[in-house]
Amino acid sequence: MKELYAMIILAVIFALSTFLLLFKLIIMKKGVKEITTQLPVLIDGDTNALIKISSYDREVRRLATTLNGSLKTLREKELTYINGDKELKGAITNVAHDIRTPLTAICGYADMMKEESNPAKLDKYLSIISERATALKILSEELFKYSVATNKGANSQEVEKLDVNALLQDTLFSFYAKFCERDIIPELNAVEGSIPRITDKNSLTRIFSNIIENAIKYSDGDFIVTVKDDGTILFSNTARNLNNVDVGKLFDRFFTVENGKHSTGLGLSIAKQLTKQLGGEISAQYQNDMLTIILKI
């Protein structure tokens, strides 16, 4: 009798286990079907919606969560690609315009020189051609620097221990002649002692140089460099011709403001790219007509 009861209990347990297993399989199948139905639509459709399932099965919900995470990543990459494609097309348009304008002038004045015999006018035409050729040279050099900066990876950097304070002062001194041309007397407020960093000297020098060049182009006559205790560097200058919209675009490729003579709009974009490669941060603020570039290395 006891054996019979034991067999009945085992049969009931087996039946319940089988029922629960079948029920779980049905729930899982329903959840997988919902995922299978929604996933192609969400991938191909122009929507930010995510997979929704009615199943409370833990594994099915975990699968849906994983797929939703992949969907978010895919959409972020797609958005990055779309924005990059737009930027590339805009960059090509800007480069074509910046190259075509001086080339058109050079060709035009060269043709005029063929028909001109007046020495004064010939000198004027040559001067204009020389100015346009210089603009082309500056553009080609900046494009090359930008190409190098964007293709330079962390593995190609030659890191070394250096003093950021000393490197900054050396870079400022190298612009002495340009500061004199603009009648700018730079003011340096630096902490005492050194600011050691292990980083790429050439990249950091290029960052400093591009920021300083930008200040020389757009400053209303002043330039203040402040080095904080934590190594944060503030480059400030009065720039009344700017506005918050312009400042938001300063690091965009080929962006220039009206008084940026011989400016390619690549300087700060290169600085941003190199700063990112060094693991630092660069940003801009504009308050009370004062533009401040904030650099953290």
C-alpha atoms as a PDB file:
ATOM      1  CA  MET A   1       0.000   0.000   0.000  1.00  0.00           C
ATOM      2  CA  LYS A   2       2.791   2.382   0.896  1.00  0.00           C
ATOM      3  CA  GLU A   3       4.464   1.623  -2.393  1.00  0.00           C
ATOM      4  CA  LEU A   4       1.250   2.463  -4.229  1.00  0.00           C
ATOM      5  CA  TYR A   5       0.948   5.789  -2.435  1.00  0.00           C
ATOM      6  CA  ALA A   6       4.574   6.571  -3.215  1.00  0.00           C
ATOM      7  CA  MET A   7       4.032   5.814  -6.890  1.00  0.00           C
ATOM      8  CA  ILE A   8       0.916   7.986  -6.961  1.00  0.00           C
ATOM      9  CA  ILE A   9       2.803  10.870  -5.333  1.00  0.00           C
ATOM     10  CA  LEU A  10       5.656  10.484  -7.795  1.00  0.00           C
ATOM     11  CA  ALA A  11       3.202  10.408 -10.684  1.00  0.00           C
ATOM     12  CA  VAL A  12       1.507  13.580  -9.416  1.00  0.00           C
ATOM     13  CA  ILE A  13       4.872  15.317  -8.968  1.00  0.00           C
ATOM     14  CA  PHE A  14       5.916  14.232 -12.469  1.00  0.00           C
ATOM     15  CA  ALA A  15       2.640  15.446 -13.928  1.00  0.00           C
ATOM     16  CA  LEU A  16       2.898  18.795 -12.156  1.00  0.00           C
ATOM     17  CA  SER A  17       6.516  19.187 -13.237  1.00  0.00           C
ATOM     18  CA  THR A  18       5.603  18.364 -16.807  1.00  0.00           C
ATOM     19  CA  PHE A  19       2.697  20.791 -16.715  1.00  0.00           C
ATOM     20  CA  LEU A  20       4.868  23.580 -15.270  1.00  0.00           C
ATOM     21  CA  LEU A  21       7.571  22.888 -17.844  1.00  0.00           C
ATOM     22  CA  LEU A  22       5.066  22.956 -20.686  1.00  0.00           C
ATOM     23  CA  PHE A  23       3.519  26.130 -19.308  1.00  0.00           C
ATOM     24  CA  LYS A  24       6.975  27.740 -19.089  1.00  0.00           C
ATOM     25  CA  LEU A  25       7.751  26.653 -22.655  1.00  0.00           C
ATOM     26  CA  ILE A  26       4.473  28.129 -23.887  1.00  0.00           C
ATOM     27  CA  ILE A  27       5.198  31.421 -22.136  1.00  0.00           C
ATOM     28  CA  MET A  28       8.757  31.477 -23.509  1.00  0.00           C
ATOM     29  CA  LYS A  29       7.488  30.652 -27.003  1.00  0.00           C
ATOM     30  CA  LYS A  30       4.976  33.480 -26.803  1.00  0.00           C
ATOM     31  CA  GLY A  31       7.664  35.920 -25.643  1.00  0.00           C
ATOM     32  CA  VAL A  32      10.092  34.829 -28.378  1.00  0.00           C
ATOM     33  CA  LYS A  33       7.315  35.192 -30.953  1.00  0.00           C
ATOM     34  CA  GLU A  34       6.618  38.749 -29.747  1.00  0.00           C
ATOM     35  CA  ILE A  35      10.310  39.560 -30.011  1.00  0.00           C
ATOM     36  CA  THR A  36      10.599  37.950 -33.452  1.00  0.00           C
ATOM     37  CA  THR A  37       7.615  39.950 -34.690  1.00  0.00           C
ATOM     38  CA  GLN A  38       8.747  43.322 -33.303  1.00  0.00           C
ATOM     39  CA  LEU A  39      12.512  43.222 -33.908  1.00  0.00           C
ATOM     40  CA  PRO A  40      12.543  43.515 -37.760  1.00  0.00           C
ATOM     41  CA  VAL A  41      10.015  46.361 -37.595  1.00  0.00           C
ATOM     42  CA  LEU A  42      12.047  48.256 -35.002  1.00  0.00           C
ATOM     43  CA  ILE A  43      15.317  47.783 -36.909  1.00  0.00           C
ATOM     44  CA  ASP A  44      13.942  48.885 -40.289  1.00  0.00           C
ATOM     45  CA  GLY A  45      11.487  51.496 -39.033  1.00  0.00           C
ATOM     46  CA  ASP A  46      12.180  55.131 -38.254  1.00  0.00           C
ATOM     47  CA  THR A  47      11.262  54.918 -34.599  1.00  0.00           C
ATOM     48  CA  ASN A  48      12.801  55.078 -31.151  1.00  0.00           C
ATOM     49  CA  ALA A  49      10.418  52.466 -29.733  1.00  0.00           C
ATOM     50  CA  LEU A  50      11.767  49.407 -27.931  1.00  0.00           C
ATOM     51  CA  ILE A  51      10.692  45.777 -27.726  1.00  0.00           C
ATOM     52  CA  LYS A  52       7.699  45.219 -25.450  1.00  0.00           C
ATOM     53  CA  ILE A  53       6.679  41.754 -24.255  1.00  0.00           C
ATOM     54  CA  SER A  54       3.842  40.440 -22.139  1.00  0.00           C
ATOM     55  CA  SER A  55       5.841  37.523 -20.765  1.00  0.00           C
ATOM     56  CA  TYR A  56       7.058  37.610 -17.181  1.00  0.00           C
ATOM     57  CA  ASP A  57       9.601  34.877 -17.776  1.00  0.00           C
ATOM     58  CA  ARG A  58      12.936  36.068 -16.430  1.00  0.00           C
ATOM     59  CA  GLU A  59      15.055  34.712 -19.294  1.00  0.00           C
ATOM     60  CA  VAL A  60      12.752  36.101 -21.986  1.00  0.00           C
ATOM     61  CA  ARG A  61      12.709  39.499 -20.314  1.00  0.00           C
ATOM     62  CA  ARG A  62      16.508  39.385 -20.039  1.00  0.00           C
ATOM     63  CA  LEU A  63      16.691  38.626 -23.763  1.00  0.00           C
ATOM     64  CA  ALA A  64      14.376  41.572 -24.514  1.00  0.00           C
ATOM     65  CA  THR A  65      16.487  43.869 -22.317  1.00  0.00           C
ATOM     66  CA  THR A  66      19.676  42.779 -24.105  1.00  0.00           C
ATOM     67  CA  LEU A  67      18.118  43.322 -27.521  1.00  0.00           C
ATOM     68  CA  ASN A  68      16.796  46.738 -26.469  1.00  0.00           C
ATOM     69  CA  GLY A  69      20.302  47.691 -25.409  1.00  0.00           C
ATOM     70  CA  SER A  70      21.616  46.602 -28.808  1.00  0.00           C
ATOM     71  CA  LEU A  71      18.842  48.595 -30.512  1.00  0.00           C
ATOM     72  CA  LYS A  72      19.840  51.741 -28.597  1.00  0.00           C
ATOM     73  CA  THR A  73      23.494  51.241 -29.534  1.00  0.00           C
ATOM     74  CA  LEU A  74      22.566  50.645 -33.171  1.00  0.00           C
ATOM     75  CA  ARG A  75      20.482  53.835 -33.282  1.00  0.00           C
ATOM     76  CA  GLU A  76      23.261  55.867 -31.656  1.00  0.00           C
ATOM     77  CA  LYS A  77      25.736  54.593 -34.246  1.00  0.00           C
ATOM     78  CA  GLU A  78      23.266  55.287 -37.030  1.00  0.00           C
ATOM     79  CA  LEU A  79      22.748  58.836 -35.758  1.00  0.00           C
ATOM     80  CA  THR A  80      26.503  59.315 -35.507  1.00  0.00           C
ATOM     81  CA  TYR A  81      26.867  58.085 -39.078  1.00  0.00           C
ATOM     82  CA  ILE A  82      24.112  60.378 -40.355  1.00  0.00           C
ATOM     83  CA  ASN A  83      25.565  63.398 -38.556  1.00  0.00           C
ATOM     84  CA  GLY A  84      29.049  62.469 -39.742  1.00  0.00           C
ATOM     85  CA  ASP A  85      27.813  62.160 -43.305  1.00  0.00           C
ATOM     86  CA  LYS A  86      26.187  65.588 -43.085  1.00  0.00           C
ATOM     87  CA  GLU A  87      29.362  67.079 -41.599  1.00  0.00           C
ATOM     88  CA  LEU A  88      31.466  65.463 -44.319  1.00  0.00           C
ATOM     89  CA  LYS A  89      29.250  66.839 -47.079  1.00  0.00           C
ATOM     90  CA  GLY A  90      29.312  70.260 -45.435  1.00  0.00           C
ATOM     91  CA  ALA A  91      33.091  70.064 -45.056  1.00  0.00           C
ATOM     92  CA  ILE A  92      33.527  69.149 -48.728  1.00  0.00           C
ATOM     93  CA  THR A  93      31.297  72.061 -49.723  1.00  0.00           C
ATOM     94  CA  ASN A  94      33.258  74.461 -47.520  1.00  0.00           C
ATOM     95  CA  VAL A  95      36.631  73.213 -48.746  1.00  0.00           C
ATOM     96  CA  ALA A  96      35.500  73.440 -52.371  1.00  0.00           C
ATOM     97  CA  HIS A  97      34.314  77.009 -51.798  1.00  0.00           C
ATOM     98  CA  ASP A  98      37.467  78.019 -49.904  1.00  0.00           C
ATOM     99  CA  ILE A  99      39.655  76.596 -52.670  1.00  0.00           C
ATOM    100  CA  ARG A 100      37.589  77.819 -55.592  1.00  0.00           C
ATOM    101  CA  THR A 101      37.368  81.444 -54.412  1.00  0.00           C
ATOM    102  CA  PRO A 102      41.123  82.211 -54.356  1.00  0.00           C
ATOM    103  CA  LEU A 103      41.751  80.044 -57.420  1.00  0.00           C
ATOM    104  CA  THR A 104      39.137  81.972 -59.389  1.00  0.00           C
ATOM    105  CA  ALA A 105      40.758  85.249 -58.344  1.00  0.00           C
ATOM    106  CA  ILE A 106      44.244  83.981 -59.252  1.00  0.00           C
ATOM    107  CA  CYS A 107      43.118  82.820 -62.681  1.00  0.00           C
ATOM    108  CA  GLY A 108      41.172  86.028 -63.277  1.00  0.00           C
ATOM    109  CA  TYR A 109      44.029  88.370 -62.394  1.00  0.00           C
ATOM    110  CA  ALA A 110      46.507  86.182 -64.310  1.00  0.00           C
ATOM    111  CA  ASP A 111      44.365  86.624 -67.434  1.00  0.00           C
ATOM    112  CA  MET A 112      44.154  90.376 -66.791  1.00  0.00           C
ATOM    113  CA  MET A 113      47.950  90.565 -66.545  1.00  0.00           C
ATOM    114  CA  LYS A 114      48.253  89.181 -70.071  1.00  0.00           C
ATOM    115  CA  GLU A 115      46.372  92.207 -71.397  1.00  0.00           C
ATOM    116  CA  GLU A 116      47.939  94.797 -69.065  1.00  0.00           C
ATOM    117  CA  SER A 117      51.108  96.799 -69.678  1.00  0.00           C
ATOM    118  CA  ASN A 118      50.818  99.373 -66.873  1.00  0.00           C
ATOM    119  CA  PRO A 119      53.529  98.498 -64.289  1.00  0.00           C
ATOM    120  CA  ALA A 120      51.466  99.880 -61.388  1.00  0.00           C
ATOM    121  CA  LYS A 121      48.485  97.714 -62.246  1.00  0.00           C
ATOM    122  CA  LEU A 122      50.713  94.696 -62.835  1.00  0.00           C
ATOM    123  CA  ASP A 123      52.180  95.123 -59.333  1.00  0.00           C
ATOM    124  CA  LYS A 124      48.673  95.390 -57.898  1.00  0.00           C
ATOM    125  CA  TYR A 125      47.556  92.224 -59.688  1.00  0.00           C
ATOM    126  CA  LEU A 126      50.662  90.361 -58.522  1.00  0.00           C
ATOM    127  CA  SER A 127      50.006  91.468 -54.956  1.00  0.00           C
ATOM    128  CA  ILE A 128      46.433  90.160 -55.109  1.00  0.00           C
ATOM    129  CA  ILE A 129      47.577  86.873 -56.657  1.00  0.00           C
ATOM    130  CA  SER A 130      50.207  86.495 -53.931  1.00  0.00           C
ATOM    131  CA  GLU A 131      47.599  87.132 -51.228  1.00  0.00           C
ATOM    132  CA  ARG A 132      45.234  84.543 -52.699  1.00  0.00           C
ATOM    133  CA  ALA A 133      48.060  82.024 -53.073  1.00  0.00           C
ATOM    134  CA  THR A 134      48.958  82.544 -49.410  1.00  0.00           C
ATOM    135  CA  ALA A 135      45.357  81.836 -48.432  1.00  0.00           C
ATOM    136  CA  LEU A 136      45.473  78.598 -50.426  1.00  0.00           C
ATOM    137  CA  LYS A 137      48.743  77.612 -48.760  1.00  0.00           C
ATOM    138  CA  ILE A 138      47.319  78.236 -45.287  1.00  0.00           C
ATOM    139  CA  LEU A 139      44.225  76.188 -46.118  1.00  0.00           C
ATOM    140  CA  SER A 140      46.233  73.254 -47.489  1.00  0.00           C
ATOM    141  CA  GLU A 141      48.521  73.253 -44.434  1.00  0.00           C
ATOM    142  CA  GLU A 142      45.573  73.306 -42.028  1.00  0.00           C
ATOM    143  CA  LEU A 143      43.838  70.513 -43.948  1.00  0.00           C
ATOM    144  CA  PHE A 144      46.991  68.437 -43.672  1.00  0.00           C
ATOM    145  CA  LYS A 145      47.254  69.125 -39.933  1.00  0.00           C
ATOM    146  CA  TYR A 146      43.592  68.235 -39.464  1.00  0.00           C
ATOM    147  CA  SER A 147      44.061  64.990 -41.407  1.00  0.00           C
ATOM    148  CA  VAL A 148      47.068  64.082 -39.250  1.00  0.00           C
ATOM    149  CA  ALA A 149      45.201  64.954 -36.052  1.00  0.00           C
ATOM    150  CA  THR A 150      42.104  62.905 -36.913  1.00  0.00           C
ATOM    151  CA  ASN A 151      44.134  59.873 -38.015  1.00  0.00           C
ATOM    152  CA  LYS A 152      46.604  59.967 -35.141  1.00  0.00           C
ATOM    153  CA  GLY A 153      45.727  57.304 -32.602  1.00  0.00           C
ATOM    154  CA  ALA A 154      46.852  56.800 -29.027  1.00  0.00           C
ATOM    155  CA  ASN A 155      49.377  54.179 -30.151  1.00  0.00           C
ATOM    156  CA  SER A 156      51.209  56.701 -32.342  1.00  0.00           C
ATOM    157  CA  GLN A 157      51.698  59.234 -29.536  1.00  0.00           C
ATOM    158  CA  GLU A 158      55.124  59.661 -27.982  1.00  0.00           C
ATOM    159  CA  VAL A 159      54.295  60.233 -24.342  1.00  0.00           C
ATOM    160  CA  GLU A 160      56.810  61.644 -21.906  1.00  0.00           C
ATOM    161  CA  LYS A 161      56.850  63.386 -18.560  1.00  0.00           C
ATOM    162  CA  LEU A 162      56.780  67.154 -18.994  1.00  0.00           C
ATOM    163  CA  ASP A 163      55.930  70.371 -17.183  1.00  0.00           C
ATOM    164  CA  VAL A 164      52.725  71.846 -18.611  1.00  0.00           C
ATOM    165  CA  ASN A 165      53.555  75.237 -17.075  1.00  0.00           C
ATOM    166  CA  ALA A 166      56.935  75.449 -18.782  1.00  0.00           C
ATOM    167  CA  LEU A 167      55.587  74.198 -22.135  1.00  0.00           C
ATOM    168  CA  LEU A 168      52.772  76.762 -22.030  1.00  0.00           C
ATOM    169  CA  GLN A 169      55.196  79.622 -21.334  1.00  0.00           C
ATOM    170  CA  ASP A 170      57.497  78.498 -24.166  1.00  0.00           C
ATOM    171  CA  THR A 171      54.560  78.345 -26.561  1.00  0.00           C
ATOM    172  CA  LEU A 172      53.363  81.812 -25.546  1.00  0.00           C
ATOM    173  CA  PHE A 173      56.844  83.229 -26.085  1.00  0.00           C
ATOM    174  CA  SER A 174      56.970  81.733 -29.594  1.00  0.00           C
ATOM    175  CA  PHE A 175      54.036  84.017 -30.525  1.00  0.00           C
ATOM    176  CA  TYR A 176      55.807  87.183 -29.352  1.00  0.00           C
ATOM    177  CA  ALA A 177      56.010  88.682 -32.866  1.00  0.00           C
ATOM    178  CA  LYS A 178      52.332  88.035 -33.609  1.00  0.00           C
ATOM    179  CA  PHE A 179      51.282  89.533 -30.278  1.00  0.00           C
ATOM    180  CA  CYS A 180      53.295  92.655 -31.168  1.00  0.00           C
ATOM    181  CA  GLU A 181      51.595  92.889 -34.577  1.00  0.00           C
ATOM    182  CA  ARG A 182      48.188  93.040 -32.864  1.00  0.00           C
ATOM    183  CA  ASP A 183      49.449  95.249 -29.996  1.00  0.00           C
ATOM    184  CA  ILE A 184      48.417  92.557 -27.534  1.00  0.00           C
ATOM    185  CA  ILE A 185      50.251  92.208 -24.235  1.00  0.00           C
ATOM    186  CA  PRO A 186      49.456  88.706 -22.956  1.00  0.00           C
ATOM    187  CA  GLU A 187      48.873  88.290 -19.229  1.00  0.00           C
ATOM    188  CA  LEU A 188      49.895  85.003 -17.616  1.00  0.00           C
ATOM    189  CA  ASN A 189      48.548  84.034 -14.216  1.00  0.00           C
ATOM    190  CA  ALA A 190      50.203  80.724 -13.412  1.00  0.00           C
ATOM    191  CA  VAL A 191      50.602  78.754 -10.235  1.00  0.00           C
ATOM    192  CA  GLU A 192      54.080  78.461  -8.804  1.00  0.00           C
ATOM    193  CA  GLY A 193      56.007  75.312  -9.469  1.00  0.00           C
ATOM    194  CA  SER A 194      55.558  72.723 -12.146  1.00  0.00           C
ATOM    195  CA  ILE A 195      52.458  70.897 -13.374  1.00  0.00           C
ATOM    196  CA  PRO A 196      53.713  67.430 -14.295  1.00  0.00           C
ATOM    197  CA  ARG A 197      51.902  65.388 -16.906  1.00  0.00           C
ATOM    198  CA  ILE A 198      52.757  62.273 -18.880  1.00  0.00           C
ATOM    199  CA  THR A 199      51.506  63.128 -22.343  1.00  0.00           C
ATOM    200  CA  ASP A 200      52.488  63.796 -25.957  1.00  0.00           C
ATOM    201  CA  LYS A 201      54.510  67.002 -26.164  1.00  0.00           C
ATOM    202  CA  ASN A 202      53.887  67.696 -29.856  1.00  0.00           C
ATOM    203  CA  SER A 203      50.116  67.291 -29.524  1.00  0.00           C
ATOM    204  CA  LEU A 204      49.942  69.508 -26.437  1.00  0.00           C
ATOM    205  CA  THR A 205      52.083  72.159 -28.127  1.00  0.00           C
ATOM    206  CA  ARG A 206      49.741  72.113 -31.139  1.00  0.00           C
ATOM    207  CA  ILE A 207      46.727  72.491 -28.826  1.00  0.00           C
ATOM    208  CA  PHE A 208      48.284  75.516 -27.100  1.00  0.00           C
ATOM    209  CA  SER A 209      49.320  77.025 -30.432  1.00  0.00           C
ATOM    210  CA  ASN A 210      45.902  76.685 -32.049  1.00  0.00           C
ATOM    211  CA  ILE A 211      44.143  78.237 -29.060  1.00  0.00           C
ATOM    212  CA  ILE A 212      46.616  81.139 -28.972  1.00  0.00           C
ATOM    213  CA  GLU A 213      46.323  81.683 -32.741  1.00  0.00           C
ATOM    214  CA  ASN A 214      42.553  81.790 -32.423  1.00  0.00           C
ATOM    215  CA  ALA A 215      42.816  84.409 -29.666  1.00  0.00           C
ATOM    216  CA  ILE A 216      45.188  86.548 -31.733  1.00  0.00           C
ATOM    217  CA  LYS A 217      42.756  86.478 -34.675  1.00  0.00           C
ATOM    218  CA  TYR A 218      39.612  87.340 -32.739  1.00  0.00           C
ATOM    219  CA  SER A 219      40.778  89.254 -29.656  1.00  0.00           C
ATOM    220  CA  ASP A 220      39.756  92.875 -29.208  1.00  0.00           C
ATOM    221  CA  GLY A 221      43.205  93.636 -27.806  1.00  0.00           C
ATOM    222  CA  ASP A 222      43.722  91.500 -24.706  1.00  0.00           C
ATOM    223  CA  PHE A 223      44.695  87.938 -23.852  1.00  0.00           C
ATOM    224  CA  ILE A 224      44.752  86.412 -20.384  1.00  0.00           C
ATOM    225  CA  VAL A 225      46.004  82.919 -19.569  1.00  0.00           C
ATOM    226  CA  THR A 226      45.179  81.506 -16.137  1.00  0.00           C
ATOM    227  CA  VAL A 227      46.607  78.225 -14.857  1.00  0.00           C
ATOM    228  CA  LYS A 228      44.789  76.719 -11.865  1.00  0.00           C
ATOM    229  CA  ASP A 229      46.169  74.443  -9.160  1.00  0.00           C
ATOM    230  CA  ASP A 230      44.592  71.348 -10.728  1.00  0.00           C
ATOM    231  CA  GLY A 231      46.208  72.082 -14.095  1.00  0.00           C
ATOM    232  CA  THR A 232      43.086  73.539 -15.737  1.00  0.00           C
ATOM    233  CA  ILE A 233      44.081  76.315 -18.142  1.00  0.00           C
ATOM    234  CA  LEU A 234      41.804  79.230 -19.052  1.00  0.00           C
ATOM    235  CA  PHE A 235      42.522  81.218 -22.220  1.00  0.00           C
ATOM    236  CA  SER A 236      40.454  84.419 -22.162  1.00  0.00           C
ATOM    237  CA  ASN A 237      40.080  87.389 -24.487  1.00  0.00           C
ATOM    238  CA  THR A 238      37.491  90.065 -25.169  1.00  0.00           C
ATOM    239  CA  ALA A 239      35.539  89.282 -28.351  1.00  0.00           C
ATOM    240  CA  ARG A 240      32.559  91.630 -28.724  1.00  0.00           C
ATOM    241  CA  ASN A 241      31.777  90.378 -32.226  1.00  0.00           C
ATOM    242  CA  LEU A 242      30.871  86.909 -30.924  1.00  0.00           C
ATOM    243  CA  ASN A 243      27.613  85.594 -29.508  1.00  0.00           C
ATOM    244  CA  ASN A 244      26.593  82.410 -27.721  1.00  0.00           C
ATOM    245  CA  VAL A 245      25.543  80.788 -31.004  1.00  0.00           C
ATOM    246  CA  ASP A 246      28.990  81.413 -32.510  1.00  0.00           C
ATOM    247  CA  VAL A 247      30.712  80.123 -29.389  1.00  0.00           C
ATOM    248  CA  GLY A 248      28.717  76.909 -29.605  1.00  0.00           C
ATOM    249  CA  LYS A 249      30.185  76.340 -33.064  1.00  0.00           C
ATOM    250  CA  LEU A 250      33.809  77.295 -32.351  1.00  0.00           C
ATOM    251  CA  PHE A 251      35.009  73.694 -32.392  1.00  0.00           C
ATOM    252  CA  ASP A 252      33.120  72.808 -35.586  1.00  0.00           C
ATOM    253  CA  ARG A 253      35.179  72.217 -38.694  1.00  0.00           C
ATOM    254  CA  PHE A 254      35.523  75.233 -40.998  1.00  0.00           C
ATOM    255  CA  PHE A 255      33.534  77.551 -38.742  1.00  0.00           C
ATOM    256  CA  THR A 256      34.812  81.125 -38.847  1.00  0.00           C
ATOM    257  CA  VAL A 257      33.454  84.501 -37.823  1.00  0.00           C
ATOM    258  CA  GLU A 258      33.512  87.500 -40.074  1.00  0.00           C
ATOM    259  CA  ASN A 259      36.713  89.133 -38.842  1.00  0.00           C
ATOM    260  CA  GLY A 260      38.800  85.955 -38.937  1.00  0.00           C
ATOM    261  CA  LYS A 261      41.277  86.972 -41.632  1.00  0.00           C
ATOM    262  CA  HIS A 262      43.082  84.048 -43.287  1.00  0.00           C
ATOM    263  CA  SER A 263      41.199  81.703 -40.959  1.00  0.00           C
ATOM    264  CA  THR A 264      40.393  78.172 -42.119  1.00  0.00           C
ATOM    265  CA  GLY A 265      38.127  77.345 -39.197  1.00  0.00           C
ATOM    266  CA  LEU A 266      40.182  74.227 -38.433  1.00  0.00           C
ATOM    267  CA  GLY A 267      42.387  75.445 -35.572  1.00  0.00           C
ATOM    268  CA  LEU A 268      40.063  74.806 -32.649  1.00  0.00           C
ATOM    269  CA  SER A 269      38.653  71.699 -34.303  1.00  0.00           C
ATOM    270  CA  ILE A 270      42.181  70.267 -34.419  1.00  0.00           C
ATOM    271  CA  ALA A 271      42.710  71.315 -30.787  1.00  0.00           C
ATOM    272  CA  LYS A 272      39.535  69.493 -29.779  1.00  0.00           C
ATOM    273  CA  GLN A 273      40.527  66.346 -31.647  1.00  0.00           C
ATOM    274  CA  LEU A 274      44.013  66.276 -30.104  1.00  0.00           C
ATOM    275  CA  THR A 275      42.654  67.027 -26.627  1.00  0.00           C
ATOM    276  CA  LYS A 276      40.291  64.078 -26.937  1.00  0.00           C
ATOM    277  CA  GLN A 277      43.171  61.826 -27.980  1.00  0.00           C
ATOM    278  CA  LEU A 278      45.154  62.921 -24.925  1.00  0.00           C
ATOM    279  CA  GLY A 279      42.212  62.053 -22.688  1.00  0.00           C
ATOM    280  CA  GLY A 280      41.504  65.689 -21.815  1.00  0.00           C
ATOM    281  CA  GLU A 281      38.583  68.064 -22.143  1.00  0.00           C
ATOM    282  CA  ILE A 282      38.166  71.365 -23.967  1.00  0.00           C
ATOM    283  CA  SER A 283      35.173  73.712 -23.935  1.00  0.00           C
ATOM    284  CA  ALA A 284      34.241  77.356 -24.438  1.00  0.00           C
ATOM    285  CA  GLN A 285      32.311  79.915 -22.392  1.00  0.00           C
ATOM    286  CA  TYR A 286      31.121  83.390 -23.321  1.00  0.00           C
ATOM    287  CA  GLN A 287      30.148  85.913 -20.659  1.00  0.00           C
ATOM    288  CA  ASN A 288      30.201  89.718 -20.664  1.00  0.00           C
ATOM    289  CA  ASP A 289      31.890  89.853 -24.093  1.00  0.00           C
ATOM    290  CA  MET A 290      34.692  87.622 -22.779  1.00  0.00           C
ATOM    291  CA  LEU A 291      35.491  84.375 -24.573  1.00  0.00           C
ATOM    292  CA  THR A 292      37.174  81.705 -22.452  1.00  0.00           C
ATOM    293  CA  ILE A 293      38.582  78.443 -23.755  1.00  0.00           C
ATOM    294  CA  ILE A 294      38.837  75.934 -20.911  1.00  0.00           C
ATOM    295  CA  LEU A 295      41.455  73.214 -21.292  1.00  0.00           C
ATOM    296  CA  LYS A 296      41.862  70.241 -18.962  1.00  0.00           C
ATOM    297  CA  ILE A 297      44.752  67.866 -19.635  1.00  0.00           C
END
